[in-house]
């Protein structure tokens, strides 16, 4: 299964409460809630390069499945983690936040869970 492609955000659930819970300032939450983001994924075997562009904010991530790498959290903090591939899902844990990115056809569903709070983003291939 290859994740490579460009994906545009179609919908999101629990954006504001989740961003508040992870400590994002209110002004950033208000600016970010209505902006459509574009995710570009390049997969080469077990190596991934992901670029997420939301308005003027661009976040780059690079990792290799099963190897420790440094990823940037939504708050801008960099955290060391290991990403695992289970079937069609990329799974990792970042400081108590579980991230699952699932590919189904031309749709990517990214779910982040922290405690009992879940933030879900659905993006379609463009």
PDB file of N, CA and C in Angstrom:
ATOM      1  N   UNK A   1       0.840  -1.177   0.000  1.00  0.00           N
ATOM      2  CA  UNK A   1       0.000   0.000   0.000  1.00  0.00           C
ATOM      3  C   UNK A   1       0.887   1.242   0.000  1.00  0.00           C
ATOM      4  N   UNK A   2       0.644   2.165  -0.927  1.00  0.00           N
ATOM      5  CA  UNK A   2       1.463   3.360  -1.037  1.00  0.00           C
ATOM      6  C   UNK A   2       0.641   4.603  -0.701  1.00  0.00           C
ATOM      7  N   UNK A   3       1.149   5.383   0.239  1.00  0.00           N
ATOM      8  CA  UNK A   3       0.465   6.590   0.718  1.00  0.00           C
ATOM      9  C   UNK A   3       0.748   7.808  -0.163  1.00  0.00           C
ATOM     10  N   UNK A   4       1.698   7.706  -1.111  1.00  0.00           N
ATOM     11  CA  UNK A   4       2.132   8.875  -1.889  1.00  0.00           C
ATOM     12  C   UNK A   4       0.968   9.588  -2.561  1.00  0.00           C
ATOM     13  N   UNK A   5       1.000  10.930  -2.523  1.00  0.00           N
ATOM     14  CA  UNK A   5      -0.021  11.742  -3.188  1.00  0.00           C
ATOM     15  C   UNK A   5      -0.238  13.047  -2.461  1.00  0.00           C
ATOM     16  N   UNK A   6      -1.122  13.871  -3.043  1.00  0.00           N
ATOM     17  CA  UNK A   6      -1.525  15.141  -2.421  1.00  0.00           C
ATOM     18  C   UNK A   6      -2.957  14.980  -1.959  1.00  0.00           C
ATOM     19  N   UNK A   7      -3.221  15.435  -0.747  1.00  0.00           N
ATOM     20  CA  UNK A   7      -4.543  15.279  -0.149  1.00  0.00           C
ATOM     21  C   UNK A   7      -5.023  16.617   0.402  1.00  0.00           C
ATOM     22  N   UNK A   8      -6.310  16.939   0.154  1.00  0.00           N
ATOM     23  CA  UNK A   8      -6.878  18.175   0.674  1.00  0.00           C
ATOM     24  C   UNK A   8      -7.850  17.852   1.797  1.00  0.00           C
ATOM     25  N   UNK A   9      -7.746  18.626   2.888  1.00  0.00           N
ATOM     26  CA  UNK A   9      -8.633  18.444   4.036  1.00  0.00           C
ATOM     27  C   UNK A   9     -10.081  18.665   3.611  1.00  0.00           C
ATOM     28  N   UNK A  10     -10.951  17.693   3.912  1.00  0.00           N
ATOM     29  CA  UNK A  10     -12.379  17.784   3.590  1.00  0.00           C
ATOM     30  C   UNK A  10     -13.208  18.122   4.827  1.00  0.00           C
ATOM     31  N   UNK A  11     -12.861  17.514   5.952  1.00  0.00           N
ATOM     32  CA  UNK A  11     -13.634  17.753   7.177  1.00  0.00           C
ATOM     33  C   UNK A  11     -12.767  17.459   8.393  1.00  0.00           C
ATOM     34  N   UNK A  12     -13.177  18.036   9.519  1.00  0.00           N
ATOM     35  CA  UNK A  12     -12.499  17.741  10.779  1.00  0.00           C
ATOM     36  C   UNK A  12     -13.500  17.805  11.918  1.00  0.00           C
ATOM     37  N   UNK A  13     -13.233  16.993  12.945  1.00  0.00           N
ATOM     38  CA  UNK A  13     -14.122  16.927  14.110  1.00  0.00           C
ATOM     39  C   UNK A  13     -13.312  17.232  15.363  1.00  0.00           C
ATOM     40  N   UNK A  14     -13.906  18.004  16.275  1.00  0.00           N
ATOM     41  CA  UNK A  14     -13.297  18.323  17.572  1.00  0.00           C
ATOM     42  C   UNK A  14     -12.025  19.148  17.466  1.00  0.00           C
ATOM     43  N   UNK A  15     -11.884  19.966  16.412  1.00  0.00           N
ATOM     44  CA  UNK A  15     -10.670  20.760  16.231  1.00  0.00           C
ATOM     45  C   UNK A  15     -10.409  21.680  17.428  1.00  0.00           C
ATOM     46  N   UNK A  16     -11.406  22.529  17.756  1.00  0.00           N
ATOM     47  CA  UNK A  16     -11.184  23.530  18.809  1.00  0.00           C
ATOM     48  C   UNK A  16     -10.904  22.915  20.180  1.00  0.00           C
ATOM     49  N   UNK A  17     -11.735  21.975  20.672  1.00  0.00           N
ATOM     50  CA  UNK A  17     -11.441  21.425  22.006  1.00  0.00           C
ATOM     51  C   UNK A  17     -10.094  20.696  22.051  1.00  0.00           C
ATOM     52  N   UNK A  18      -9.733  20.014  20.968  1.00  0.00           N
ATOM     53  CA  UNK A  18      -8.466  19.276  20.957  1.00  0.00           C
ATOM     54  C   UNK A  18      -7.284  20.238  20.980  1.00  0.00           C
ATOM     55  N   UNK A  19      -7.336  21.286  20.149  1.00  0.00           N
ATOM     56  CA  UNK A  19      -6.234  22.253  20.091  1.00  0.00           C
ATOM     57  C   UNK A  19      -6.083  22.987  21.425  1.00  0.00           C
ATOM     58  N   UNK A  20      -7.207  23.282  22.089  1.00  0.00           N
ATOM     59  CA  UNK A  20      -7.146  23.894  23.425  1.00  0.00           C
ATOM     60  C   UNK A  20      -6.449  22.941  24.397  1.00  0.00           C
ATOM     61  N   UNK A  21      -6.800  21.661  24.324  1.00  0.00           N
ATOM     62  CA  UNK A  21      -6.258  20.661  25.252  1.00  0.00           C
ATOM     63  C   UNK A  21      -4.747  20.485  25.098  1.00  0.00           C
ATOM     64  N   UNK A  22      -4.231  20.638  23.864  1.00  0.00           N
ATOM     65  CA  UNK A  22      -2.780  20.468  23.686  1.00  0.00           C
ATOM     66  C   UNK A  22      -2.022  21.770  23.930  1.00  0.00           C
ATOM     67  N   UNK A  23      -2.775  22.849  24.196  1.00  0.00           N
ATOM     68  CA  UNK A  23      -2.119  24.089  24.595  1.00  0.00           C
ATOM     69  C   UNK A  23      -1.905  25.119  23.509  1.00  0.00           C
ATOM     70  N   UNK A  24      -2.609  24.993  22.381  1.00  0.00           N
ATOM     71  CA  UNK A  24      -2.486  26.002  21.326  1.00  0.00           C
ATOM     72  C   UNK A  24      -3.220  27.274  21.761  1.00  0.00           C
ATOM     73  N   UNK A  25      -2.634  28.459  21.523  1.00  0.00           N
ATOM     74  CA  UNK A  25      -3.307  29.705  21.902  1.00  0.00           C
ATOM     75  C   UNK A  25      -4.596  29.918  21.103  1.00  0.00           C
ATOM     76  N   UNK A  26      -5.579  30.592  21.734  1.00  0.00           N
ATOM     77  CA  UNK A  26      -6.892  30.816  21.108  1.00  0.00           C
ATOM     78  C   UNK A  26      -6.799  31.493  19.748  1.00  0.00           C
ATOM     79  N   UNK A  27      -5.893  32.477  19.594  1.00  0.00           N
ATOM     80  CA  UNK A  27      -5.812  33.177  18.305  1.00  0.00           C
ATOM     81  C   UNK A  27      -5.370  32.234  17.187  1.00  0.00           C
ATOM     82  N   UNK A  28      -4.452  31.306  17.497  1.00  0.00           N
ATOM     83  CA  UNK A  28      -4.033  30.322  16.488  1.00  0.00           C
ATOM     84  C   UNK A  28      -5.155  29.348  16.171  1.00  0.00           C
ATOM     85  N   UNK A  29      -5.914  28.971  17.187  1.00  0.00           N
ATOM     86  CA  UNK A  29      -7.045  28.054  16.977  1.00  0.00           C
ATOM     87  C   UNK A  29      -8.072  28.708  16.051  1.00  0.00           C
ATOM     88  N   UNK A  30      -8.414  29.973  16.318  1.00  0.00           N
ATOM     89  CA  UNK A  30      -9.411  30.665  15.500  1.00  0.00           C
ATOM     90  C   UNK A  30      -8.928  30.830  14.062  1.00  0.00           C
ATOM     91  N   UNK A  31      -7.630  31.134  13.889  1.00  0.00           N
ATOM     92  CA  UNK A  31      -7.067  31.297  12.537  1.00  0.00           C
ATOM     93  C   UNK A  31      -7.070  29.969  11.785  1.00  0.00           C
ATOM     94  N   UNK A  32      -6.774  28.875  12.504  1.00  0.00           N
ATOM     95  CA  UNK A  32      -6.590  27.587  11.844  1.00  0.00           C
ATOM     96  C   UNK A  32      -7.839  26.781  11.573  1.00  0.00           C
ATOM     97  N   UNK A  33      -8.946  27.128  12.246  1.00  0.00           N
ATOM     98  CA  UNK A  33     -10.102  26.231  12.175  1.00  0.00           C
ATOM     99  C   UNK A  33     -10.792  26.194  10.820  1.00  0.00           C
ATOM    100  N   UNK A  34     -10.723  27.276  10.044  1.00  0.00           N
ATOM    101  CA  UNK A  34     -11.425  27.301   8.763  1.00  0.00           C
ATOM    102  C   UNK A  34     -10.497  27.215   7.553  1.00  0.00           C
ATOM    103  N   UNK A  35      -9.212  27.022   7.801  1.00  0.00           N
ATOM    104  CA  UNK A  35      -8.264  26.960   6.688  1.00  0.00           C
ATOM    105  C   UNK A  35      -8.162  25.518   6.185  1.00  0.00           C
ATOM    106  N   UNK A  36      -8.287  25.363   4.875  1.00  0.00           N
ATOM    107  CA  UNK A  36      -8.118  24.034   4.284  1.00  0.00           C
ATOM    108  C   UNK A  36      -6.626  23.730   4.197  1.00  0.00           C
ATOM    109  N   UNK A  37      -6.230  22.573   4.675  1.00  0.00           N
ATOM    110  CA  UNK A  37      -4.820  22.240   4.575  1.00  0.00           C
ATOM    111  C   UNK A  37      -4.594  21.210   3.477  1.00  0.00           C
ATOM    112  N   UNK A  38      -3.377  21.245   2.932  1.00  0.00           N
ATOM    113  CA  UNK A  38      -2.970  20.292   1.901  1.00  0.00           C
ATOM    114  C   UNK A  38      -1.830  19.460   2.471  1.00  0.00           C
ATOM    115  N   UNK A  39      -1.959  18.154   2.388  1.00  0.00           N
ATOM    116  CA  UNK A  39      -0.895  17.245   2.822  1.00  0.00           C
ATOM    117  C   UNK A  39      -0.295  16.591   1.597  1.00  0.00           C
ATOM    118  N   UNK A  40       1.027  16.632   1.508  1.00  0.00           N
ATOM    119  CA  UNK A  40       1.711  15.949   0.418  1.00  0.00           C
ATOM    120  C   UNK A  40       2.576  14.857   1.028  1.00  0.00           C
ATOM    121  N   UNK A  41       2.361  13.628   0.579  1.00  0.00           N
ATOM    122  CA  UNK A  41       3.084  12.480   1.120  1.00  0.00           C
ATOM    123  C   UNK A  41       3.908  11.836   0.011  1.00  0.00           C
ATOM    124  N   UNK A  42       5.185  11.618   0.301  1.00  0.00           N
ATOM    125  CA  UNK A  42       6.056  10.894  -0.623  1.00  0.00           C
ATOM    126  C   UNK A  42       6.557   9.670   0.134  1.00  0.00           C
ATOM    127  N   UNK A  43       6.197   8.501  -0.367  1.00  0.00           N
ATOM    128  CA  UNK A  43       6.617   7.255   0.268  1.00  0.00           C
ATOM    129  C   UNK A  43       7.569   6.519  -0.659  1.00  0.00           C
ATOM    130  N   UNK A  44       8.728   6.143  -0.106  1.00  0.00           N
ATOM    131  CA  UNK A  44       9.713   5.360  -0.849  1.00  0.00           C
ATOM    132  C   UNK A  44      10.049   4.159   0.025  1.00  0.00           C
ATOM    133  N   UNK A  45       9.340   3.055  -0.204  1.00  0.00           N
ATOM    134  CA  UNK A  45       9.518   1.883   0.659  1.00  0.00           C
ATOM    135  C   UNK A  45       9.083   2.218   2.069  1.00  0.00           C
ATOM    136  N   UNK A  46      10.048   2.147   3.026  1.00  0.00           N
ATOM    137  CA  UNK A  46       9.731   2.441   4.425  1.00  0.00           C
ATOM    138  C   UNK A  46       9.998   3.895   4.790  1.00  0.00           C
ATOM    139  N   UNK A  47      10.483   4.678   3.832  1.00  0.00           N
ATOM    140  CA  UNK A  47      10.795   6.095   4.101  1.00  0.00           C
ATOM    141  C   UNK A  47       9.611   6.982   3.698  1.00  0.00           C
ATOM    142  N   UNK A  48       9.288   7.919   4.557  1.00  0.00           N
ATOM    143  CA  UNK A  48       8.187   8.845   4.307  1.00  0.00           C
ATOM    144  C   UNK A  48       8.670  10.283   4.432  1.00  0.00           C
ATOM    145  N   UNK A  49       8.179  11.138   3.529  1.00  0.00           N
ATOM    146  CA  UNK A  49       8.354  12.588   3.648  1.00  0.00           C
ATOM    147  C   UNK A  49       6.953  13.164   3.566  1.00  0.00           C
ATOM    148  N   UNK A  50       6.575  13.912   4.594  1.00  0.00           N
ATOM    149  CA  UNK A  50       5.234  14.481   4.636  1.00  0.00           C
ATOM    150  C   UNK A  50       5.346  15.993   4.819  1.00  0.00           C
ATOM    151  N   UNK A  51       4.639  16.734   3.964  1.00  0.00           N
ATOM    152  CA  UNK A  51       4.583  18.184   4.074  1.00  0.00           C
ATOM    153  C   UNK A  51       3.118  18.575   4.220  1.00  0.00           C
ATOM    154  N   UNK A  52       2.795  19.252   5.317  1.00  0.00           N
ATOM    155  CA  UNK A  52       1.431  19.715   5.545  1.00  0.00           C
ATOM    156  C   UNK A  52       1.448  21.238   5.501  1.00  0.00           C
ATOM    157  N   UNK A  53       0.678  21.811   4.553  1.00  0.00           N
ATOM    158  CA  UNK A  53       0.598  23.259   4.403  1.00  0.00           C
ATOM    159  C   UNK A  53      -0.793  23.722   4.824  1.00  0.00           C
ATOM    160  N   UNK A  54      -0.831  24.553   5.869  1.00  0.00           N
ATOM    161  CA  UNK A  54      -2.092  25.108   6.357  1.00  0.00           C
ATOM    162  C   UNK A  54      -1.929  26.618   6.368  1.00  0.00           C
ATOM    163  N   UNK A  55      -2.508  27.284   5.367  1.00  0.00           N
ATOM    164  CA  UNK A  55      -2.301  28.730   5.244  1.00  0.00           C
ATOM    165  C   UNK A  55      -0.821  29.001   5.033  1.00  0.00           C
ATOM    166  N   UNK A  56      -0.221  29.809   5.920  1.00  0.00           N
ATOM    167  CA  UNK A  56       1.200  30.125   5.787  1.00  0.00           C
ATOM    168  C   UNK A  56       2.075  29.179   6.604  1.00  0.00           C
ATOM    169  N   UNK A  57       1.468  28.297   7.385  1.00  0.00           N
ATOM    170  CA  UNK A  57       2.240  27.368   8.224  1.00  0.00           C
ATOM    171  C   UNK A  57       2.533  26.083   7.443  1.00  0.00           C
ATOM    172  N   UNK A  58       3.818  25.731   7.384  1.00  0.00           N
ATOM    173  CA  UNK A  58       4.241  24.516   6.686  1.00  0.00           C
ATOM    174  C   UNK A  58       5.001  23.637   7.671  1.00  0.00           C
ATOM    175  N   UNK A  59       4.568  22.378   7.808  1.00  0.00           N
ATOM    176  CA  UNK A  59       5.242  21.437   8.699  1.00  0.00           C
ATOM    177  C   UNK A  59       5.788  20.290   7.858  1.00  0.00           C
ATOM    178  N   UNK A  60       7.100  20.058   7.975  1.00  0.00           N
ATOM    179  CA  UNK A  60       7.760  18.953   7.263  1.00  0.00           C
ATOM    180  C   UNK A  60       8.043  17.833   8.260  1.00  0.00           C
ATOM    181  N   UNK A  61       7.778  16.608   7.860  1.00  0.00           N
ATOM    182  CA  UNK A  61       8.121  15.449   8.672  1.00  0.00           C
ATOM    183  C   UNK A  61       8.805  14.422   7.779  1.00  0.00           C
ATOM    184  N   UNK A  62       9.853  13.810   8.300  1.00  0.00           N
ATOM    185  CA  UNK A  62      10.506  12.708   7.595  1.00  0.00           C
ATOM    186  C   UNK A  62      10.735  11.604   8.602  1.00  0.00           C
ATOM    187  N   UNK A  63      10.393  10.388   8.200  1.00  0.00           N
ATOM    188  CA  UNK A  63      10.629   9.258   9.092  1.00  0.00           C
ATOM    189  C   UNK A  63      10.745   7.977   8.286  1.00  0.00           C
ATOM    190  N   UNK A  64      11.327   6.969   8.926  1.00  0.00           N
ATOM    191  CA  UNK A  64      11.425   5.629   8.358  1.00  0.00           C
ATOM    192  C   UNK A  64      10.684   4.697   9.310  1.00  0.00           C
ATOM    193  N   UNK A  65       9.800   3.861   8.755  1.00  0.00           N
ATOM    194  CA  UNK A  65       9.003   2.931   9.562  1.00  0.00           C
ATOM    195  C   UNK A  65       9.930   2.109  10.462  1.00  0.00           C
ATOM    196  N   UNK A  66       9.590   2.055  11.762  1.00  0.00           N
ATOM    197  CA  UNK A  66      10.324   1.225  12.705  1.00  0.00           C
ATOM    198  C   UNK A  66      11.601   1.835  13.251  1.00  0.00           C
ATOM    199  N   UNK A  67      11.973   3.046  12.789  1.00  0.00           N
ATOM    200  CA  UNK A  67      13.188   3.703  13.290  1.00  0.00           C
ATOM    201  C   UNK A  67      12.819   4.988  14.019  1.00  0.00           C
ATOM    202  N   UNK A  68      13.612   5.305  15.057  1.00  0.00           N
ATOM    203  CA  UNK A  68      13.339   6.534  15.805  1.00  0.00           C
ATOM    204  C   UNK A  68      13.581   7.750  14.921  1.00  0.00           C
ATOM    205  N   UNK A  69      12.658   8.694  15.006  1.00  0.00           N
ATOM    206  CA  UNK A  69      12.805   9.937  14.248  1.00  0.00           C
ATOM    207  C   UNK A  69      12.238  11.071  15.086  1.00  0.00           C
ATOM    208  N   UNK A  70      12.500  12.298  14.638  1.00  0.00           N
ATOM    209  CA  UNK A  70      11.994  13.463  15.354  1.00  0.00           C
ATOM    210  C   UNK A  70      10.868  14.064  14.543  1.00  0.00           C
ATOM    211  N   UNK A  71       9.686  14.171  15.149  1.00  0.00           N
ATOM    212  CA  UNK A  71       8.527  14.741  14.475  1.00  0.00           C
ATOM    213  C   UNK A  71       8.095  16.004  15.199  1.00  0.00           C
ATOM    214  N   UNK A  72       7.512  16.936  14.432  1.00  0.00           N
ATOM    215  CA  UNK A  72       7.024  18.180  15.014  1.00  0.00           C
ATOM    216  C   UNK A  72       5.563  18.018  15.390  1.00  0.00           C
ATOM    217  N   UNK A  73       5.249  18.358  16.635  1.00  0.00           N
ATOM    218  CA  UNK A  73       3.860  18.299  17.090  1.00  0.00           C
ATOM    219  C   UNK A  73       3.118  19.545  16.607  1.00  0.00           C
ATOM    220  N   UNK A  74       1.807  19.570  16.770  1.00  0.00           N
ATOM    221  CA  UNK A  74       0.988  20.702  16.341  1.00  0.00           C
ATOM    222  C   UNK A  74       1.375  21.991  17.054  1.00  0.00           C
ATOM    223  N   UNK A  75       1.983  21.860  18.232  1.00  0.00           N
ATOM    224  CA  UNK A  75       2.399  23.023  19.012  1.00  0.00           C
ATOM    225  C   UNK A  75       3.758  23.559  18.555  1.00  0.00           C
ATOM    226  N   UNK A  76       4.421  22.827  17.639  1.00  0.00           N
ATOM    227  CA  UNK A  76       5.738  23.238  17.173  1.00  0.00           C
ATOM    228  C   UNK A  76       6.866  22.514  17.905  1.00  0.00           C
ATOM    229  N   UNK A  77       6.523  21.840  19.015  1.00  0.00           N
ATOM    230  CA  UNK A  77       7.527  21.101  19.780  1.00  0.00           C
ATOM    231  C   UNK A  77       7.985  19.881  18.989  1.00  0.00           C
ATOM    232  N   UNK A  78       9.294  19.601  19.020  1.00  0.00           N
ATOM    233  CA  UNK A  78       9.832  18.428  18.327  1.00  0.00           C
ATOM    234  C   UNK A  78       9.967  17.279  19.329  1.00  0.00           C
ATOM    235  N   UNK A  79       9.493  16.094  18.922  1.00  0.00           N
ATOM    236  CA  UNK A  79       9.455  14.933  19.804  1.00  0.00           C
ATOM    237  C   UNK A  79      10.035  13.716  19.077  1.00  0.00           C
ATOM    238  N   UNK A  80      10.834  12.933  19.791  1.00  0.00           N
ATOM    239  CA  UNK A  80      11.367  11.693  19.209  1.00  0.00           C
ATOM    240  C   UNK A  80      10.322  10.594  19.346  1.00  0.00           C
ATOM    241  N   UNK A  81      10.123   9.829  18.271  1.00  0.00           N
ATOM    242  CA  UNK A  81       9.119   8.767  18.287  1.00  0.00           C
ATOM    243  C   UNK A  81       9.461   7.731  17.224  1.00  0.00           C
ATOM    244  N   UNK A  82       8.771   6.603  17.257  1.00  0.00           N
ATOM    245  CA  UNK A  82       8.908   5.557  16.244  1.00  0.00           C
ATOM    246  C   UNK A  82       7.544   5.358  15.597  1.00  0.00           C
ATOM    247  N   UNK A  83       7.486   5.466  14.269  1.00  0.00           N
ATOM    248  CA  UNK A  83       6.236   5.256  13.535  1.00  0.00           C
ATOM    249  C   UNK A  83       6.189   3.799  13.077  1.00  0.00           C
ATOM    250  N   UNK A  84       5.060   3.147  13.310  1.00  0.00           N
ATOM    251  CA  UNK A  84       4.851   1.763  12.876  1.00  0.00           C
ATOM    252  C   UNK A  84       3.824   1.731  11.757  1.00  0.00           C
ATOM    253  N   UNK A  85       3.969   0.766  10.859  1.00  0.00           N
ATOM    254  CA  UNK A  85       2.990   0.554   9.795  1.00  0.00           C
ATOM    255  C   UNK A  85       2.272  -0.753  10.092  1.00  0.00           C
ATOM    256  N   UNK A  86       0.942  -0.654  10.278  1.00  0.00           N
ATOM    257  CA  UNK A  86       0.120  -1.848  10.528  1.00  0.00           C
ATOM    258  C   UNK A  86      -0.961  -1.884   9.465  1.00  0.00           C
ATOM    259  N   UNK A  87      -0.766  -2.716   8.449  1.00  0.00           N
ATOM    260  CA  UNK A  87      -1.724  -2.791   7.343  1.00  0.00           C
ATOM    261  C   UNK A  87      -1.724  -1.484   6.578  1.00  0.00           C
ATOM    262  N   UNK A  88      -2.853  -0.772   6.613  1.00  0.00           N
ATOM    263  CA  UNK A  88      -2.975   0.511   5.910  1.00  0.00           C
ATOM    264  C   UNK A  88      -2.932   1.686   6.887  1.00  0.00           C
ATOM    265  N   UNK A  89      -2.316   1.477   8.081  1.00  0.00           N
ATOM    266  CA  UNK A  89      -2.296   2.512   9.118  1.00  0.00           C
ATOM    267  C   UNK A  89      -0.868   2.839   9.553  1.00  0.00           C
ATOM    268  N   UNK A  90      -0.573   4.146   9.659  1.00  0.00           N
ATOM    269  CA  UNK A  90       0.664   4.627  10.269  1.00  0.00           C
ATOM    270  C   UNK A  90       0.313   5.004  11.704  1.00  0.00           C
ATOM    271  N   UNK A  91       1.021   4.435  12.677  1.00  0.00           N
ATOM    272  CA  UNK A  91       0.674   4.634  14.079  1.00  0.00           C
ATOM    273  C   UNK A  91       1.903   5.096  14.857  1.00  0.00           C
ATOM    274  N   UNK A  92       1.718   6.122  15.691  1.00  0.00           N
ATOM    275  CA  UNK A  92       2.800   6.570  16.577  1.00  0.00           C
ATOM    276  C   UNK A  92       2.208   7.213  17.822  1.00  0.00           C
ATOM    277  N   UNK A  93       3.044   7.359  18.837  1.00  0.00           N
ATOM    278  CA  UNK A  93       2.655   8.044  20.066  1.00  0.00           C
ATOM    279  C   UNK A  93       3.611   9.205  20.300  1.00  0.00           C
ATOM    280  N   UNK A  94       3.050  10.394  20.524  1.00  0.00           N
ATOM    281  CA  UNK A  94       3.842  11.598  20.775  1.00  0.00           C
ATOM    282  C   UNK A  94       3.444  12.163  22.125  1.00  0.00           C
ATOM    283  N   UNK A  95       4.244  11.938  23.138  1.00  0.00           N
ATOM    284  CA  UNK A  95       3.997  12.501  24.468  1.00  0.00           C
ATOM    285  C   UNK A  95       2.553  12.306  24.932  1.00  0.00           C
ATOM    286  N   UNK A  96       2.056  11.086  24.918  1.00  0.00           N
ATOM    287  CA  UNK A  96       0.709  10.808  25.396  1.00  0.00           C
ATOM    288  C   UNK A  96      -0.379  11.044  24.374  1.00  0.00           C
ATOM    289  N   UNK A  97       0.003  11.432  23.168  1.00  0.00           N
ATOM    290  CA  UNK A  97      -0.961  11.656  22.097  1.00  0.00           C
ATOM    291  C   UNK A  97      -0.779  10.522  21.084  1.00  0.00           C
ATOM    292  N   UNK A  98      -1.840   9.766  20.832  1.00  0.00           N
ATOM    293  CA  UNK A  98      -1.761   8.671  19.857  1.00  0.00           C
ATOM    294  C   UNK A  98      -2.222   9.175  18.500  1.00  0.00           C
ATOM    295  N   UNK A  99      -1.399   8.936  17.476  1.00  0.00           N
ATOM    296  CA  UNK A  99      -1.713   9.388  16.121  1.00  0.00           C
ATOM    297  C   UNK A  99      -1.857   8.173  15.212  1.00  0.00           C
ATOM    298  N   UNK A 100      -2.993   8.099  14.513  1.00  0.00           N
ATOM    299  CA  UNK A 100      -3.247   7.012  13.556  1.00  0.00           C
ATOM    300  C   UNK A 100      -3.651   7.641  12.227  1.00  0.00           C
ATOM    301  N   UNK A 101      -2.891   7.337  11.179  1.00  0.00           N
ATOM    302  CA  UNK A 101      -3.198   7.818   9.831  1.00  0.00           C
ATOM    303  C   UNK A 101      -3.553   6.612   8.992  1.00  0.00           C
ATOM    304  N   UNK A 102      -4.792   6.576   8.497  1.00  0.00           N
ATOM    305  CA  UNK A 102      -5.299   5.405   7.783  1.00  0.00           C
ATOM    306  C   UNK A 102      -5.632   5.772   6.339  1.00  0.00           C
ATOM    307  N   UNK A 103      -5.146   4.946   5.409  1.00  0.00           N
ATOM    308  CA  UNK A 103      -5.402   5.161   3.986  1.00  0.00           C
ATOM    309  C   UNK A 103      -6.440   4.162   3.500  1.00  0.00           C
ATOM    310  N   UNK A 104      -7.535   4.684   2.915  1.00  0.00           N
ATOM    311  CA  UNK A 104      -8.574   3.850   2.296  1.00  0.00           C
ATOM    312  C   UNK A 104      -8.846   4.414   0.917  1.00  0.00           C
ATOM    313  N   UNK A 105      -8.300   3.784  -0.119  1.00  0.00           N
ATOM    314  CA  UNK A 105      -8.494   4.281  -1.480  1.00  0.00           C
ATOM    315  C   UNK A 105      -7.880   5.655  -1.636  1.00  0.00           C
ATOM    316  N   UNK A 106      -8.722   6.671  -1.934  1.00  0.00           N
ATOM    317  CA  UNK A 106      -8.249   8.046  -2.112  1.00  0.00           C
ATOM    318  C   UNK A 106      -8.521   8.915  -0.890  1.00  0.00           C
ATOM    319  N   UNK A 107      -8.807   8.289   0.241  1.00  0.00           N
ATOM    320  CA  UNK A 107      -9.132   9.029   1.457  1.00  0.00           C
ATOM    321  C   UNK A 107      -8.151   8.692   2.570  1.00  0.00           C
ATOM    322  N   UNK A 108      -7.648   9.742   3.221  1.00  0.00           N
ATOM    323  CA  UNK A 108      -6.803   9.548   4.394  1.00  0.00           C
ATOM    324  C   UNK A 108      -7.563  10.077   5.601  1.00  0.00           C
ATOM    325  N   UNK A 109      -7.659   9.245   6.639  1.00  0.00           N
ATOM    326  CA  UNK A 109      -8.275   9.649   7.890  1.00  0.00           C
ATOM    327  C   UNK A 109      -7.177   9.694   8.941  1.00  0.00           C
ATOM    328  N   UNK A 110      -6.966  10.871   9.516  1.00  0.00           N
ATOM    329  CA  UNK A 110      -5.943  11.051  10.541  1.00  0.00           C
ATOM    330  C   UNK A 110      -6.656  11.309  11.858  1.00  0.00           C
ATOM    331  N   UNK A 111      -6.444  10.416  12.823  1.00  0.00           N
ATOM    332  CA  UNK A 111      -7.097  10.523  14.124  1.00  0.00           C
ATOM    333  C   UNK A 111      -6.034  10.700  15.199  1.00  0.00           C
ATOM    334  N   UNK A 112      -6.199  11.725  16.020  1.00  0.00           N
ATOM    335  CA  UNK A 112      -5.297  11.934  17.151  1.00  0.00           C
ATOM    336  C   UNK A 112      -6.120  11.836  18.424  1.00  0.00           C
ATOM    337  N   UNK A 113      -5.619  11.049  19.376  1.00  0.00           N
ATOM    338  CA  UNK A 113      -6.339  10.826  20.618  1.00  0.00           C
ATOM    339  C   UNK A 113      -5.442  11.176  21.799  1.00  0.00           C
ATOM    340  N   UNK A 114      -5.982  11.951  22.712  1.00  0.00           N
ATOM    341  CA  UNK A 114      -5.277  12.290  23.939  1.00  0.00           C
ATOM    342  C   UNK A 114      -6.284  12.130  25.063  1.00  0.00           C
ATOM    343  N   UNK A 115      -6.057  11.154  25.916  1.00  0.00           N
ATOM    344  CA  UNK A 115      -7.034  10.858  26.969  1.00  0.00           C
ATOM    345  C   UNK A 115      -8.345  10.446  26.336  1.00  0.00           C
ATOM    346  N   UNK A 116      -9.434  11.124  26.697  1.00  0.00           N
ATOM    347  CA  UNK A 116     -10.746  10.769  26.131  1.00  0.00           C
ATOM    348  C   UNK A 116     -11.163  11.740  25.024  1.00  0.00           C
ATOM    349  N   UNK A 117     -10.216  12.545  24.543  1.00  0.00           N
ATOM    350  CA  UNK A 117     -10.504  13.527  23.505  1.00  0.00           C
ATOM    351  C   UNK A 117      -9.904  13.070  22.175  1.00  0.00           C
ATOM    352  N   UNK A 118     -10.731  13.063  21.113  1.00  0.00           N
ATOM    353  CA  UNK A 118     -10.278  12.618  19.801  1.00  0.00           C
ATOM    354  C   UNK A 118     -10.506  13.704  18.764  1.00  0.00           C
ATOM    355  N   UNK A 119      -9.482  13.950  17.960  1.00  0.00           N
ATOM    356  CA  UNK A 119      -9.541  14.912  16.855  1.00  0.00           C
ATOM    357  C   UNK A 119      -9.381  14.122  15.570  1.00  0.00           C
ATOM    358  N   UNK A 120     -10.320  14.314  14.641  1.00  0.00           N
ATOM    359  CA  UNK A 120     -10.326  13.526  13.407  1.00  0.00           C
ATOM    360  C   UNK A 120     -10.307  14.451  12.200  1.00  0.00           C
ATOM    361  N   UNK A 121      -9.412  14.146  11.240  1.00  0.00           N
ATOM    362  CA  UNK A 121      -9.310  14.894   9.979  1.00  0.00           C
ATOM    363  C   UNK A 121      -9.491  13.917   8.821  1.00  0.00           C
ATOM    364  N   UNK A 122     -10.313  14.294   7.858  1.00  0.00           N
ATOM    365  CA  UNK A 122     -10.518  13.452   6.672  1.00  0.00           C
ATOM    366  C   UNK A 122     -10.065  14.251   5.450  1.00  0.00           C
ATOM    367  N   UNK A 123      -9.131  13.682   4.696  1.00  0.00           N
ATOM    368  CA  UNK A 123      -8.599  14.345   3.495  1.00  0.00           C
ATOM    369  C   UNK A 123      -8.765  13.442   2.286  1.00  0.00           C
ATOM    370  N   UNK A 124      -9.024  14.065   1.117  1.00  0.00           N
ATOM    371  CA  UNK A 124      -9.192  13.319  -0.142  1.00  0.00           C
ATOM    372  C   UNK A 124      -8.041  13.643  -1.068  1.00  0.00           C
ATOM    373  N   UNK A 125      -7.656  12.613  -1.854  1.00  0.00           N
ATOM    374  CA  UNK A 125      -6.590  12.781  -2.847  1.00  0.00           C
ATOM    375  C   UNK A 125      -7.032  13.803  -3.896  1.00  0.00           C
ATOM    376  N   UNK A 126      -6.108  14.691  -4.284  1.00  0.00           N
ATOM    377  CA  UNK A 126      -6.434  15.695  -5.327  1.00  0.00           C
ATOM    378  C   UNK A 126      -5.507  15.534  -6.506  1.00  0.00           C
TER     379      UNK A 126
END
